[in-house]
N, C-alpha and C. Protein backbone atom coordinates (compact mmCIF):
# COMPACT_ATOMS: atom_id res chain seq x y z
N MET A 1 -19.43 10.49 16.53
CA MET A 1 -18.93 10.00 17.79
C MET A 1 -19.77 10.52 18.94
N THR A 2 -20.25 11.76 18.79
CA THR A 2 -21.03 12.33 19.88
C THR A 2 -22.34 11.59 20.07
N ASN A 3 -22.89 11.03 19.01
CA ASN A 3 -24.15 10.30 19.13
C ASN A 3 -23.97 8.95 19.81
N ALA A 4 -22.76 8.42 19.80
CA ALA A 4 -22.51 7.11 20.39
C ALA A 4 -22.42 7.18 21.91
N VAL A 5 -22.27 8.37 22.45
CA VAL A 5 -22.13 8.52 23.90
C VAL A 5 -23.52 8.54 24.52
N SER A 6 -23.70 7.79 25.57
CA SER A 6 -25.02 7.74 26.20
C SER A 6 -25.31 9.05 26.92
N GLU A 7 -26.57 9.28 27.21
CA GLU A 7 -26.99 10.50 27.90
C GLU A 7 -26.45 10.55 29.31
N GLU A 8 -26.16 9.39 29.92
CA GLU A 8 -25.72 9.38 31.30
C GLU A 8 -24.25 9.75 31.44
N SER A 9 -23.46 9.56 30.38
CA SER A 9 -22.04 9.85 30.50
C SER A 9 -21.76 11.24 29.94
N ARG A 10 -20.91 11.99 30.62
CA ARG A 10 -20.60 13.36 30.21
C ARG A 10 -19.12 13.46 29.91
N TRP A 11 -18.79 14.15 28.80
CA TRP A 11 -17.40 14.42 28.47
C TRP A 11 -16.91 15.57 29.33
N PRO A 12 -15.65 15.56 29.70
CA PRO A 12 -15.13 16.62 30.59
C PRO A 12 -14.91 17.94 29.84
N GLY A 13 -15.04 19.04 30.58
CA GLY A 13 -14.69 20.38 30.08
C GLY A 13 -15.43 20.78 28.81
N TRP A 14 -14.67 21.43 27.91
CA TRP A 14 -15.27 21.96 26.68
C TRP A 14 -15.78 20.86 25.76
N LEU A 15 -15.33 19.61 25.97
CA LEU A 15 -15.83 18.51 25.16
C LEU A 15 -17.31 18.25 25.45
N GLY A 16 -17.74 18.59 26.67
CA GLY A 16 -19.15 18.46 27.01
C GLY A 16 -20.03 19.35 26.15
N TRP A 17 -19.51 20.56 25.78
CA TRP A 17 -20.25 21.46 24.90
C TRP A 17 -20.43 20.81 23.52
N ILE A 18 -19.35 20.15 23.03
CA ILE A 18 -19.44 19.46 21.73
C ILE A 18 -20.46 18.34 21.82
N GLN A 19 -20.50 17.66 22.97
CA GLN A 19 -21.47 16.58 23.15
C GLN A 19 -22.89 17.12 23.09
N ASP A 20 -23.11 18.29 23.66
CA ASP A 20 -24.45 18.89 23.65
C ASP A 20 -24.80 19.50 22.30
N HIS A 21 -23.80 19.91 21.53
CA HIS A 21 -24.02 20.59 20.25
C HIS A 21 -23.28 19.84 19.14
N ALA A 22 -23.72 18.63 18.86
CA ALA A 22 -23.03 17.78 17.89
C ALA A 22 -22.94 18.44 16.52
N TRP A 23 -23.95 19.19 16.13
CA TRP A 23 -23.95 19.85 14.82
C TRP A 23 -22.77 20.80 14.69
N ALA A 24 -22.36 21.43 15.78
CA ALA A 24 -21.25 22.38 15.72
C ALA A 24 -19.94 21.67 15.41
N SER A 25 -19.76 20.47 15.93
CA SER A 25 -18.52 19.74 15.64
C SER A 25 -18.45 19.38 14.16
N PHE A 26 -19.60 19.06 13.57
CA PHE A 26 -19.60 18.75 12.13
C PHE A 26 -19.31 20.00 11.31
N LEU A 27 -19.87 21.14 11.70
CA LEU A 27 -19.59 22.40 10.99
C LEU A 27 -18.12 22.77 11.13
N LEU A 28 -17.59 22.62 12.33
CA LEU A 28 -16.18 22.92 12.57
C LEU A 28 -15.28 22.01 11.74
N LEU A 29 -15.59 20.74 11.71
CA LEU A 29 -14.82 19.79 10.92
C LEU A 29 -14.91 20.12 9.43
N GLY A 30 -16.09 20.45 8.94
CA GLY A 30 -16.26 20.83 7.54
C GLY A 30 -15.47 22.07 7.19
N GLY A 31 -15.51 23.08 8.07
CA GLY A 31 -14.74 24.31 7.83
C GLY A 31 -13.25 24.03 7.80
N LEU A 32 -12.79 23.20 8.72
CA LEU A 32 -11.38 22.84 8.76
C LEU A 32 -10.96 22.12 7.49
N LEU A 33 -11.81 21.25 6.99
CA LEU A 33 -11.54 20.52 5.75
C LEU A 33 -11.41 21.48 4.57
N VAL A 34 -12.29 22.47 4.48
CA VAL A 34 -12.23 23.46 3.39
C VAL A 34 -10.95 24.27 3.48
N VAL A 35 -10.58 24.71 4.66
CA VAL A 35 -9.37 25.51 4.85
C VAL A 35 -8.13 24.68 4.49
N MET A 36 -8.07 23.43 4.95
CA MET A 36 -6.91 22.60 4.65
C MET A 36 -6.82 22.29 3.16
N SER A 37 -7.96 22.05 2.50
CA SER A 37 -7.95 21.79 1.06
C SER A 37 -7.43 23.00 0.31
N ALA A 38 -7.86 24.19 0.70
CA ALA A 38 -7.39 25.40 0.04
C ALA A 38 -5.90 25.62 0.28
N ALA A 39 -5.45 25.29 1.49
CA ALA A 39 -4.03 25.48 1.80
C ALA A 39 -3.15 24.47 1.06
N LEU A 40 -3.66 23.26 0.83
CA LEU A 40 -2.86 22.23 0.16
C LEU A 40 -2.96 22.27 -1.35
N ALA A 41 -3.95 22.97 -1.91
CA ALA A 41 -4.13 23.01 -3.37
C ALA A 41 -2.89 23.49 -4.11
N PRO A 42 -2.19 24.53 -3.65
CA PRO A 42 -1.00 24.95 -4.38
C PRO A 42 0.10 23.88 -4.42
N LEU A 43 0.10 22.99 -3.46
CA LEU A 43 1.11 21.94 -3.44
C LEU A 43 0.86 20.87 -4.50
N SER A 44 -0.35 20.81 -5.05
CA SER A 44 -0.66 19.78 -6.03
C SER A 44 -0.44 20.26 -7.46
N GLU A 45 0.24 21.37 -7.63
CA GLU A 45 0.57 21.87 -8.96
C GLU A 45 2.07 22.03 -9.09
N THR A 46 2.56 21.89 -10.33
CA THR A 46 3.98 22.12 -10.58
C THR A 46 4.21 23.60 -10.77
N ARG A 47 5.43 23.99 -11.00
CA ARG A 47 5.74 25.41 -11.17
C ARG A 47 5.07 26.00 -12.40
N ASP A 48 4.82 25.18 -13.44
CA ASP A 48 4.19 25.71 -14.65
C ASP A 48 2.66 25.67 -14.58
N GLY A 49 2.10 25.26 -13.41
CA GLY A 49 0.65 25.30 -13.22
C GLY A 49 -0.07 24.02 -13.59
N THR A 50 0.63 23.02 -14.11
CA THR A 50 -0.04 21.77 -14.44
C THR A 50 -0.16 20.91 -13.20
N PRO A 51 -1.27 20.16 -13.09
CA PRO A 51 -1.43 19.31 -11.90
C PRO A 51 -0.39 18.21 -11.88
N THR A 52 0.01 17.83 -10.67
CA THR A 52 0.95 16.72 -10.53
C THR A 52 0.18 15.42 -10.59
N ALA A 53 0.87 14.33 -10.90
CA ALA A 53 0.25 13.02 -10.91
C ALA A 53 0.10 12.54 -9.48
N THR A 54 -0.94 11.77 -9.24
CA THR A 54 -1.15 11.24 -7.90
C THR A 54 -0.53 9.87 -7.80
N PRO A 55 -0.12 9.45 -6.59
CA PRO A 55 0.49 8.14 -6.44
C PRO A 55 -0.43 6.99 -6.83
N THR A 56 -1.75 7.21 -6.81
CA THR A 56 -2.65 6.12 -7.14
C THR A 56 -2.93 6.05 -8.63
N SER A 57 -2.39 6.98 -9.41
CA SER A 57 -2.66 6.92 -10.84
C SER A 57 -1.90 5.75 -11.46
N CYS A 58 -2.44 5.26 -12.54
CA CYS A 58 -1.84 4.13 -13.22
C CYS A 58 -1.10 4.65 -14.44
N PRO A 59 0.24 4.51 -14.52
CA PRO A 59 1.00 5.07 -15.63
C PRO A 59 0.52 4.56 -16.98
N GLU A 60 0.00 3.33 -17.06
CA GLU A 60 -0.44 2.81 -18.34
C GLU A 60 -1.71 3.49 -18.82
N ALA A 61 -2.47 4.10 -17.92
CA ALA A 61 -3.75 4.68 -18.28
C ALA A 61 -3.62 6.06 -18.90
N SER A 62 -2.51 6.71 -18.77
CA SER A 62 -2.36 8.04 -19.34
C SER A 62 -1.09 8.09 -20.17
N PRO A 63 -1.10 8.93 -21.22
CA PRO A 63 0.08 9.01 -22.08
C PRO A 63 1.23 9.66 -21.33
N PRO A 64 2.48 9.37 -21.73
CA PRO A 64 3.62 9.98 -21.08
C PRO A 64 3.57 11.49 -21.25
N GLN A 65 3.99 12.20 -20.22
CA GLN A 65 4.00 13.65 -20.26
C GLN A 65 5.40 14.15 -20.54
N GLU A 66 5.46 15.34 -21.10
CA GLU A 66 6.75 15.96 -21.36
C GLU A 66 7.19 16.73 -20.13
N GLY A 67 8.44 17.05 -20.02
CA GLY A 67 8.94 17.89 -18.95
C GLY A 67 9.23 17.13 -17.69
N PRO A 68 9.08 17.80 -16.53
CA PRO A 68 9.51 17.20 -15.28
C PRO A 68 8.71 15.97 -14.86
N LEU A 69 7.51 15.76 -15.43
CA LEU A 69 6.70 14.62 -15.03
C LEU A 69 6.84 13.45 -16.00
N SER A 70 7.85 13.48 -16.87
CA SER A 70 7.95 12.44 -17.89
C SER A 70 8.31 11.08 -17.30
N ALA A 71 8.91 11.03 -16.14
CA ALA A 71 9.23 9.74 -15.53
C ALA A 71 7.94 9.11 -15.01
N ALA A 72 7.76 7.82 -15.29
CA ALA A 72 6.56 7.12 -14.84
C ALA A 72 6.57 6.98 -13.33
N LEU A 73 5.38 7.04 -12.75
CA LEU A 73 5.26 6.80 -11.32
C LEU A 73 5.49 5.32 -11.05
N VAL A 74 6.27 5.01 -10.04
CA VAL A 74 6.58 3.63 -9.70
C VAL A 74 6.09 3.36 -8.28
N LEU A 75 5.31 2.31 -8.14
CA LEU A 75 4.76 1.96 -6.83
C LEU A 75 5.72 1.04 -6.10
N ARG A 76 6.08 1.44 -4.91
CA ARG A 76 6.91 0.62 -4.03
C ARG A 76 6.21 0.60 -2.67
N SER A 77 5.62 -0.53 -2.35
CA SER A 77 4.87 -0.62 -1.09
C SER A 77 5.59 -1.47 -0.05
N LEU A 78 6.91 -1.54 -0.16
CA LEU A 78 7.67 -2.31 0.81
C LEU A 78 7.65 -1.65 2.18
N PRO A 79 7.60 -2.44 3.24
CA PRO A 79 7.78 -1.85 4.56
C PRO A 79 9.20 -1.28 4.68
N ARG A 80 9.40 -0.47 5.66
CA ARG A 80 10.72 0.11 5.89
C ARG A 80 11.73 -1.00 6.16
N ASP A 81 12.93 -0.84 5.60
CA ASP A 81 13.98 -1.82 5.81
C ASP A 81 14.55 -1.68 7.22
N THR A 82 15.04 -2.77 7.74
CA THR A 82 15.66 -2.75 9.06
C THR A 82 17.03 -2.09 8.97
N THR A 83 17.42 -1.38 9.99
CA THR A 83 18.74 -0.73 9.98
C THR A 83 19.83 -1.70 10.41
N VAL A 84 19.44 -2.75 11.11
CA VAL A 84 20.41 -3.74 11.57
C VAL A 84 19.98 -5.10 11.02
N PHE A 85 20.75 -5.60 10.07
CA PHE A 85 20.45 -6.91 9.51
C PHE A 85 21.71 -7.74 9.57
N THR A 86 21.65 -8.88 10.26
CA THR A 86 22.86 -9.68 10.45
C THR A 86 22.58 -11.16 10.24
N ASP A 87 23.64 -11.90 10.02
CA ASP A 87 23.67 -13.36 10.08
C ASP A 87 22.92 -14.09 8.98
N ARG A 88 22.64 -13.47 7.87
CA ARG A 88 22.02 -14.18 6.75
C ARG A 88 22.73 -13.82 5.45
N THR A 89 24.01 -13.51 5.54
CA THR A 89 24.78 -13.05 4.38
C THR A 89 24.79 -14.07 3.26
N ALA A 90 25.06 -15.33 3.56
CA ALA A 90 25.14 -16.37 2.53
C ALA A 90 23.80 -16.54 1.82
N GLU A 91 22.70 -16.60 2.59
CA GLU A 91 21.38 -16.76 2.00
C GLU A 91 21.01 -15.54 1.16
N LEU A 92 21.35 -14.36 1.65
CA LEU A 92 21.05 -13.13 0.93
C LEU A 92 21.81 -13.07 -0.40
N GLU A 93 23.09 -13.41 -0.36
CA GLU A 93 23.89 -13.42 -1.58
C GLU A 93 23.36 -14.45 -2.57
N ALA A 94 22.94 -15.61 -2.10
CA ALA A 94 22.40 -16.65 -2.99
C ALA A 94 21.11 -16.17 -3.65
N LEU A 95 20.25 -15.52 -2.90
CA LEU A 95 18.99 -15.01 -3.45
C LEU A 95 19.25 -13.94 -4.50
N VAL A 96 20.08 -12.96 -4.17
CA VAL A 96 20.39 -11.88 -5.11
C VAL A 96 21.05 -12.45 -6.38
N ARG A 97 21.96 -13.38 -6.23
CA ARG A 97 22.63 -14.00 -7.38
C ARG A 97 21.62 -14.75 -8.25
N SER A 98 20.71 -15.48 -7.62
CA SER A 98 19.69 -16.23 -8.36
C SER A 98 18.79 -15.29 -9.17
N VAL A 99 18.37 -14.20 -8.56
CA VAL A 99 17.53 -13.23 -9.27
C VAL A 99 18.30 -12.60 -10.42
N ARG A 100 19.54 -12.21 -10.19
CA ARG A 100 20.38 -11.60 -11.23
C ARG A 100 20.55 -12.56 -12.41
N GLU A 101 20.86 -13.82 -12.11
CA GLU A 101 21.05 -14.82 -13.17
C GLU A 101 19.75 -15.07 -13.93
N ALA A 102 18.64 -15.14 -13.22
CA ALA A 102 17.34 -15.39 -13.87
C ALA A 102 16.97 -14.22 -14.77
N GLN A 103 17.23 -12.99 -14.34
CA GLN A 103 16.94 -11.84 -15.17
C GLN A 103 17.82 -11.82 -16.42
N GLY A 104 19.02 -12.36 -16.31
CA GLY A 104 19.91 -12.44 -17.46
C GLY A 104 19.43 -13.44 -18.50
N ARG A 105 18.66 -14.44 -18.07
CA ARG A 105 18.16 -15.46 -18.99
C ARG A 105 16.88 -15.05 -19.71
N GLY A 106 16.15 -14.08 -19.17
CA GLY A 106 14.90 -13.68 -19.81
C GLY A 106 13.97 -12.98 -18.85
N PRO A 107 12.76 -12.66 -19.31
CA PRO A 107 11.83 -11.88 -18.49
C PRO A 107 11.16 -12.66 -17.36
N ALA A 108 11.10 -13.98 -17.45
CA ALA A 108 10.43 -14.77 -16.41
C ALA A 108 11.37 -14.98 -15.23
N LEU A 109 10.84 -14.79 -14.04
CA LEU A 109 11.62 -15.01 -12.82
C LEU A 109 11.10 -16.24 -12.09
N PRO A 110 11.99 -17.03 -11.53
CA PRO A 110 11.53 -18.16 -10.72
C PRO A 110 10.96 -17.66 -9.39
N VAL A 111 10.16 -18.48 -8.77
CA VAL A 111 9.62 -18.15 -7.45
C VAL A 111 10.63 -18.60 -6.41
N HIS A 112 10.92 -17.72 -5.47
CA HIS A 112 11.82 -18.06 -4.37
C HIS A 112 10.99 -18.16 -3.10
N VAL A 113 11.18 -19.23 -2.35
CA VAL A 113 10.42 -19.46 -1.14
C VAL A 113 11.34 -19.35 0.06
N ILE A 114 10.89 -18.62 1.07
CA ILE A 114 11.63 -18.48 2.32
C ILE A 114 10.77 -19.16 3.38
N ASP A 115 11.29 -20.19 4.01
CA ASP A 115 10.49 -20.87 5.02
C ASP A 115 11.23 -20.92 6.34
N GLY A 116 10.48 -21.18 7.38
CA GLY A 116 11.04 -21.26 8.72
C GLY A 116 9.95 -21.12 9.74
N LEU A 117 10.31 -21.29 10.98
CA LEU A 117 9.36 -21.18 12.08
C LEU A 117 8.91 -19.73 12.25
N PRO A 118 7.75 -19.53 12.88
CA PRO A 118 7.30 -18.16 13.13
C PRO A 118 8.32 -17.39 13.98
N GLY A 119 8.55 -16.16 13.60
CA GLY A 119 9.40 -15.27 14.39
C GLY A 119 10.89 -15.38 14.13
N VAL A 120 11.32 -16.15 13.13
CA VAL A 120 12.76 -16.29 12.89
C VAL A 120 13.31 -15.22 11.95
N GLY A 121 12.44 -14.39 11.38
CA GLY A 121 12.92 -13.29 10.55
C GLY A 121 12.72 -13.47 9.05
N LYS A 122 11.74 -14.29 8.65
CA LYS A 122 11.50 -14.51 7.22
C LYS A 122 11.08 -13.21 6.54
N THR A 123 10.15 -12.48 7.13
CA THR A 123 9.68 -11.24 6.53
C THR A 123 10.80 -10.21 6.50
N ALA A 124 11.55 -10.09 7.59
CA ALA A 124 12.67 -9.14 7.61
C ALA A 124 13.68 -9.46 6.52
N PHE A 125 13.95 -10.75 6.32
CA PHE A 125 14.87 -11.18 5.27
C PHE A 125 14.33 -10.79 3.89
N ALA A 126 13.07 -11.11 3.63
CA ALA A 126 12.47 -10.81 2.33
C ALA A 126 12.43 -9.31 2.06
N VAL A 127 12.06 -8.54 3.06
CA VAL A 127 12.00 -7.08 2.88
C VAL A 127 13.40 -6.52 2.66
N HIS A 128 14.37 -6.98 3.42
CA HIS A 128 15.75 -6.50 3.25
C HIS A 128 16.26 -6.85 1.85
N ALA A 129 16.02 -8.08 1.41
CA ALA A 129 16.45 -8.49 0.07
C ALA A 129 15.77 -7.64 -1.00
N ALA A 130 14.48 -7.38 -0.83
CA ALA A 130 13.75 -6.57 -1.81
C ALA A 130 14.32 -5.15 -1.89
N HIS A 131 14.67 -4.58 -0.75
CA HIS A 131 15.28 -3.24 -0.76
C HIS A 131 16.63 -3.26 -1.48
N LEU A 132 17.38 -4.32 -1.28
CA LEU A 132 18.68 -4.42 -1.94
C LEU A 132 18.54 -4.55 -3.46
N MET A 133 17.42 -5.11 -3.92
CA MET A 133 17.23 -5.35 -5.35
C MET A 133 16.27 -4.37 -6.01
N THR A 134 16.04 -3.23 -5.38
CA THR A 134 15.12 -2.24 -5.92
C THR A 134 15.46 -1.88 -7.36
N ASP A 135 16.74 -1.69 -7.66
CA ASP A 135 17.13 -1.30 -9.01
C ASP A 135 16.86 -2.40 -10.04
N ARG A 136 16.71 -3.63 -9.62
CA ARG A 136 16.43 -4.73 -10.54
C ARG A 136 14.95 -4.81 -10.91
N PHE A 137 14.10 -4.07 -10.21
CA PHE A 137 12.67 -4.08 -10.47
C PHE A 137 12.17 -2.66 -10.67
N PRO A 138 12.50 -2.05 -11.82
CA PRO A 138 12.15 -0.66 -12.05
C PRO A 138 10.65 -0.41 -12.19
N ASP A 139 9.87 -1.47 -12.46
CA ASP A 139 8.42 -1.30 -12.59
C ASP A 139 7.73 -1.18 -11.24
N GLY A 140 8.42 -1.54 -10.16
CA GLY A 140 7.85 -1.41 -8.83
C GLY A 140 7.98 -2.69 -8.02
N GLN A 141 7.64 -2.58 -6.74
CA GLN A 141 7.67 -3.70 -5.81
C GLN A 141 6.45 -3.58 -4.91
N LEU A 142 5.70 -4.66 -4.80
CA LEU A 142 4.51 -4.67 -3.97
C LEU A 142 4.70 -5.62 -2.79
N PHE A 143 4.13 -5.28 -1.66
CA PHE A 143 4.22 -6.09 -0.45
C PHE A 143 2.82 -6.34 0.08
N VAL A 144 2.53 -7.58 0.41
CA VAL A 144 1.26 -7.94 1.03
C VAL A 144 1.56 -8.76 2.28
N ASN A 145 1.10 -8.30 3.42
CA ASN A 145 1.25 -9.05 4.66
C ASN A 145 0.13 -10.07 4.72
N LEU A 146 0.49 -11.35 4.67
CA LEU A 146 -0.50 -12.42 4.63
C LEU A 146 -0.94 -12.89 6.02
N ASN A 147 -0.37 -12.33 7.08
CA ASN A 147 -0.73 -12.68 8.47
C ASN A 147 -0.63 -14.18 8.72
N GLY A 148 0.31 -14.85 8.11
CA GLY A 148 0.44 -16.29 8.25
C GLY A 148 0.34 -16.77 9.68
N PRO A 149 1.41 -16.71 10.45
CA PRO A 149 1.35 -17.22 11.82
C PRO A 149 1.05 -16.14 12.86
N THR A 150 0.42 -15.05 12.47
CA THR A 150 0.17 -13.96 13.40
C THR A 150 -0.91 -14.36 14.40
N THR A 151 -0.57 -14.34 15.67
CA THR A 151 -1.51 -14.70 16.72
C THR A 151 -2.67 -13.73 16.75
N GLY A 152 -3.87 -14.26 16.79
CA GLY A 152 -5.06 -13.42 16.90
C GLY A 152 -5.55 -12.86 15.58
N ARG A 153 -4.89 -13.16 14.47
CA ARG A 153 -5.32 -12.65 13.17
C ARG A 153 -5.43 -13.82 12.20
N SER A 154 -6.47 -13.80 11.40
CA SER A 154 -6.67 -14.84 10.41
C SER A 154 -5.77 -14.58 9.21
N PRO A 155 -5.27 -15.65 8.59
CA PRO A 155 -4.48 -15.45 7.37
C PRO A 155 -5.32 -14.77 6.29
N VAL A 156 -4.67 -13.94 5.49
CA VAL A 156 -5.36 -13.24 4.41
C VAL A 156 -5.73 -14.25 3.33
N GLN A 157 -6.96 -14.20 2.87
CA GLN A 157 -7.44 -15.10 1.83
C GLN A 157 -6.87 -14.67 0.47
N PRO A 158 -6.65 -15.59 -0.44
CA PRO A 158 -6.07 -15.25 -1.74
C PRO A 158 -6.83 -14.15 -2.48
N GLY A 159 -8.15 -14.22 -2.47
CA GLY A 159 -8.95 -13.20 -3.15
C GLY A 159 -8.74 -11.82 -2.56
N ASP A 160 -8.62 -11.75 -1.23
CA ASP A 160 -8.39 -10.46 -0.56
C ASP A 160 -6.99 -9.92 -0.87
N ALA A 161 -6.00 -10.82 -0.91
CA ALA A 161 -4.64 -10.40 -1.26
C ALA A 161 -4.60 -9.86 -2.68
N LEU A 162 -5.29 -10.54 -3.60
CA LEU A 162 -5.33 -10.07 -4.99
C LEU A 162 -6.04 -8.72 -5.09
N ALA A 163 -7.11 -8.55 -4.33
CA ALA A 163 -7.83 -7.27 -4.35
C ALA A 163 -6.93 -6.13 -3.88
N SER A 164 -6.13 -6.38 -2.83
CA SER A 164 -5.25 -5.32 -2.34
C SER A 164 -4.15 -5.01 -3.36
N LEU A 165 -3.65 -6.03 -4.07
CA LEU A 165 -2.65 -5.79 -5.11
C LEU A 165 -3.25 -5.01 -6.28
N LEU A 166 -4.46 -5.35 -6.68
CA LEU A 166 -5.11 -4.63 -7.77
C LEU A 166 -5.36 -3.17 -7.38
N ALA A 167 -5.80 -2.95 -6.16
CA ALA A 167 -6.02 -1.58 -5.70
C ALA A 167 -4.71 -0.80 -5.66
N ALA A 168 -3.64 -1.45 -5.19
CA ALA A 168 -2.33 -0.78 -5.14
C ALA A 168 -1.83 -0.44 -6.54
N ALA A 169 -2.20 -1.26 -7.53
CA ALA A 169 -1.78 -1.01 -8.90
C ALA A 169 -2.64 0.04 -9.59
N GLY A 170 -3.64 0.56 -8.89
CA GLY A 170 -4.44 1.65 -9.44
C GLY A 170 -5.77 1.24 -10.03
N VAL A 171 -6.18 -0.02 -9.87
CA VAL A 171 -7.48 -0.46 -10.38
C VAL A 171 -8.56 0.13 -9.48
N PRO A 172 -9.53 0.87 -10.04
CA PRO A 172 -10.60 1.43 -9.21
C PRO A 172 -11.39 0.31 -8.51
N ALA A 173 -11.84 0.59 -7.31
CA ALA A 173 -12.55 -0.42 -6.51
C ALA A 173 -13.75 -0.99 -7.26
N GLY A 174 -14.45 -0.18 -8.04
CA GLY A 174 -15.62 -0.63 -8.78
C GLY A 174 -15.29 -1.61 -9.89
N GLN A 175 -14.02 -1.69 -10.29
CA GLN A 175 -13.62 -2.60 -11.37
C GLN A 175 -13.01 -3.90 -10.85
N ILE A 176 -12.80 -4.00 -9.55
CA ILE A 176 -12.26 -5.23 -8.97
C ILE A 176 -13.42 -6.22 -8.83
N PRO A 177 -13.29 -7.41 -9.42
CA PRO A 177 -14.40 -8.38 -9.39
C PRO A 177 -14.84 -8.73 -7.97
N VAL A 178 -16.16 -8.85 -7.80
CA VAL A 178 -16.76 -9.26 -6.53
C VAL A 178 -17.85 -10.28 -6.84
N GLY A 179 -18.31 -10.97 -5.83
CA GLY A 179 -19.40 -11.93 -6.02
C GLY A 179 -19.48 -12.90 -4.87
N ASP A 180 -20.44 -13.80 -4.97
CA ASP A 180 -20.68 -14.78 -3.91
C ASP A 180 -19.79 -16.01 -4.03
N ASN A 181 -19.33 -16.32 -5.23
CA ASN A 181 -18.50 -17.49 -5.46
C ASN A 181 -17.03 -17.09 -5.28
N ALA A 182 -16.47 -17.43 -4.11
CA ALA A 182 -15.10 -17.01 -3.78
C ALA A 182 -14.08 -17.53 -4.78
N THR A 183 -14.26 -18.74 -5.28
CA THR A 183 -13.32 -19.31 -6.25
C THR A 183 -13.35 -18.52 -7.55
N ALA A 184 -14.54 -18.22 -8.04
CA ALA A 184 -14.66 -17.46 -9.30
C ALA A 184 -14.12 -16.06 -9.14
N VAL A 185 -14.38 -15.44 -8.00
CA VAL A 185 -13.88 -14.09 -7.75
C VAL A 185 -12.36 -14.09 -7.71
N THR A 186 -11.78 -15.07 -7.02
CA THR A 186 -10.32 -15.17 -6.93
C THR A 186 -9.72 -15.37 -8.31
N GLU A 187 -10.31 -16.23 -9.12
CA GLU A 187 -9.81 -16.46 -10.48
C GLU A 187 -9.91 -15.20 -11.34
N ALA A 188 -11.02 -14.49 -11.21
CA ALA A 188 -11.19 -13.26 -11.99
C ALA A 188 -10.19 -12.19 -11.57
N ARG A 189 -9.96 -12.09 -10.27
CA ARG A 189 -8.97 -11.12 -9.80
C ARG A 189 -7.56 -11.52 -10.25
N ALA A 190 -7.25 -12.80 -10.23
CA ALA A 190 -5.94 -13.27 -10.68
C ALA A 190 -5.76 -12.99 -12.17
N ALA A 191 -6.82 -13.13 -12.94
CA ALA A 191 -6.74 -12.86 -14.38
C ALA A 191 -6.47 -11.39 -14.66
N MET A 192 -6.99 -10.51 -13.79
CA MET A 192 -6.71 -9.07 -13.96
C MET A 192 -5.26 -8.77 -13.71
């Protein structure tokens, strides 16, 4: 950041010293990183000294562990639920009932579509319903904001949405398909 500032502009007070001695800010930052890593290291171990699993680990990639870590890590990337949700009781009950009935018939779930004008609360409804049905999806729940009608933002492309889902599921970035042919890349990511 210090290199981006032109010679004509000066930072106020002690920040001006950092501007003149950019190397010192990097040394200070490096030292702070080492100290924080050392301070946080004990938090990444259990009481018996074994390392804890990280949230980005993929439960399928490692064998189940005995003891306190035997429960599989479950990814839930839902946004925070609203504390005040009103006026969609009938629709909410219909959705929950449909999911419950579909799960009773077998492992395949139908797709449920929520439509409406921008700003009417479609995302809030979907997120609230997902929080209510957390126990019905013990393997996890993933959320992707597609930026549909968001002013000033382009909608998320299918390939990009798939890449974010694969990354959230623990697929290393180097294993997520890339290339110049967007259709082929999207298909490869969907196949993963």
